[in-house]
């Protein structure tokens, strides 16, 4: 794997943030807008831009499916 410098990582994070912002603008439902805004905030944090007022939680970024019942958790 090629090592990327700080500038390359920041540029990549900012480009992903822009895509997430565009997705938030284009989305129709409020849930999709909130999810895209959280992704934009996450990519902004990676690139060094910190946003106030948006909490980043894994459950908000990734939709979690209900667990299947197995013999261990039935």
Protein backbone atom coordinates (compact mmCIF):
# COMPACT_ATOMS: atom_id res chain seq x y z
CA UNK A 1 0.00 0.00 0.00
CA UNK A 2 1.35 3.38 -0.97
CA UNK A 3 1.85 5.90 1.82
CA UNK A 4 -0.04 9.11 1.26
CA UNK A 5 1.20 12.32 2.71
CA UNK A 6 -0.83 14.72 4.80
CA UNK A 7 -1.73 16.90 1.82
CA UNK A 8 -2.99 13.97 -0.25
CA UNK A 9 -5.08 12.65 2.65
CA UNK A 10 -6.57 16.09 3.22
CA UNK A 11 -7.41 16.54 -0.47
CA UNK A 12 -9.05 13.09 -0.61
CA UNK A 13 -11.06 13.80 2.55
CA UNK A 14 -12.22 17.14 1.18
CA UNK A 15 -13.30 15.59 -2.13
CA UNK A 16 -15.33 12.93 -0.27
CA UNK A 17 -16.82 15.67 1.91
CA UNK A 18 -17.96 17.56 -1.19
CA UNK A 19 -19.61 14.39 -2.54
CA UNK A 20 -21.42 13.88 0.77
CA UNK A 21 -22.61 17.50 0.75
CA UNK A 22 -23.93 17.06 -2.79
CA UNK A 23 -25.70 13.89 -1.69
CA UNK A 24 -27.29 15.82 1.21
CA UNK A 25 -28.50 18.53 -1.14
CA UNK A 26 -29.95 16.05 -3.65
CA UNK A 27 -31.63 13.73 -1.15
CA UNK A 28 -35.38 13.90 -0.77
CA UNK A 29 -36.04 12.64 2.76
CA UNK A 30 -34.91 14.26 5.99
CA UNK A 31 -33.33 11.00 7.17
CA UNK A 32 -31.13 10.81 4.07
CA UNK A 33 -30.17 14.48 4.46
CA UNK A 34 -29.14 13.95 8.09
CA UNK A 35 -27.14 10.84 7.23
CA UNK A 36 -25.33 12.59 4.37
CA UNK A 37 -24.61 15.57 6.64
CA UNK A 38 -23.04 13.24 9.19
CA UNK A 39 -20.87 11.69 6.48
CA UNK A 40 -19.84 15.16 5.34
CA UNK A 41 -18.91 15.98 8.92
CA UNK A 42 -16.93 12.74 9.24
CA UNK A 43 -14.96 13.37 6.06
CA UNK A 44 -14.44 16.97 7.14
CA UNK A 45 -13.01 15.78 10.45
CA UNK A 46 -10.60 13.51 8.59
CA UNK A 47 -9.45 16.41 6.44
CA UNK A 48 -9.06 18.71 9.43
CA UNK A 49 -12.36 20.61 9.32
CA UNK A 50 -14.36 20.20 12.52
CA UNK A 51 -18.07 20.97 12.58
CA UNK A 52 -19.99 21.85 15.70
CA UNK A 53 -23.41 20.50 16.50
CA UNK A 54 -23.18 17.21 14.62
CA UNK A 55 -22.53 14.08 16.64
CA UNK A 56 -20.78 11.30 14.80
CA UNK A 57 -22.00 7.89 15.82
CA UNK A 58 -21.37 4.65 14.01
CA UNK A 59 -25.06 3.74 14.07
CA UNK A 60 -25.92 6.98 12.28
CA UNK A 61 -23.31 6.52 9.57
CA UNK A 62 -24.05 2.86 8.85
CA UNK A 63 -27.54 1.44 8.78
CA UNK A 64 -27.54 -1.57 11.05
CA UNK A 65 -29.69 -4.56 10.34
CA UNK A 66 -31.33 -6.51 13.15
CA UNK A 67 -29.25 -9.40 14.39
CA UNK A 68 -30.22 -12.84 13.21
CA UNK A 69 -31.15 -15.36 15.82
CA UNK A 70 -28.56 -18.06 16.16
CA UNK A 71 -28.12 -20.82 18.68
CA UNK A 72 -25.85 -18.58 20.74
CA UNK A 73 -28.26 -15.63 21.08
CA UNK A 74 -31.68 -17.32 20.70
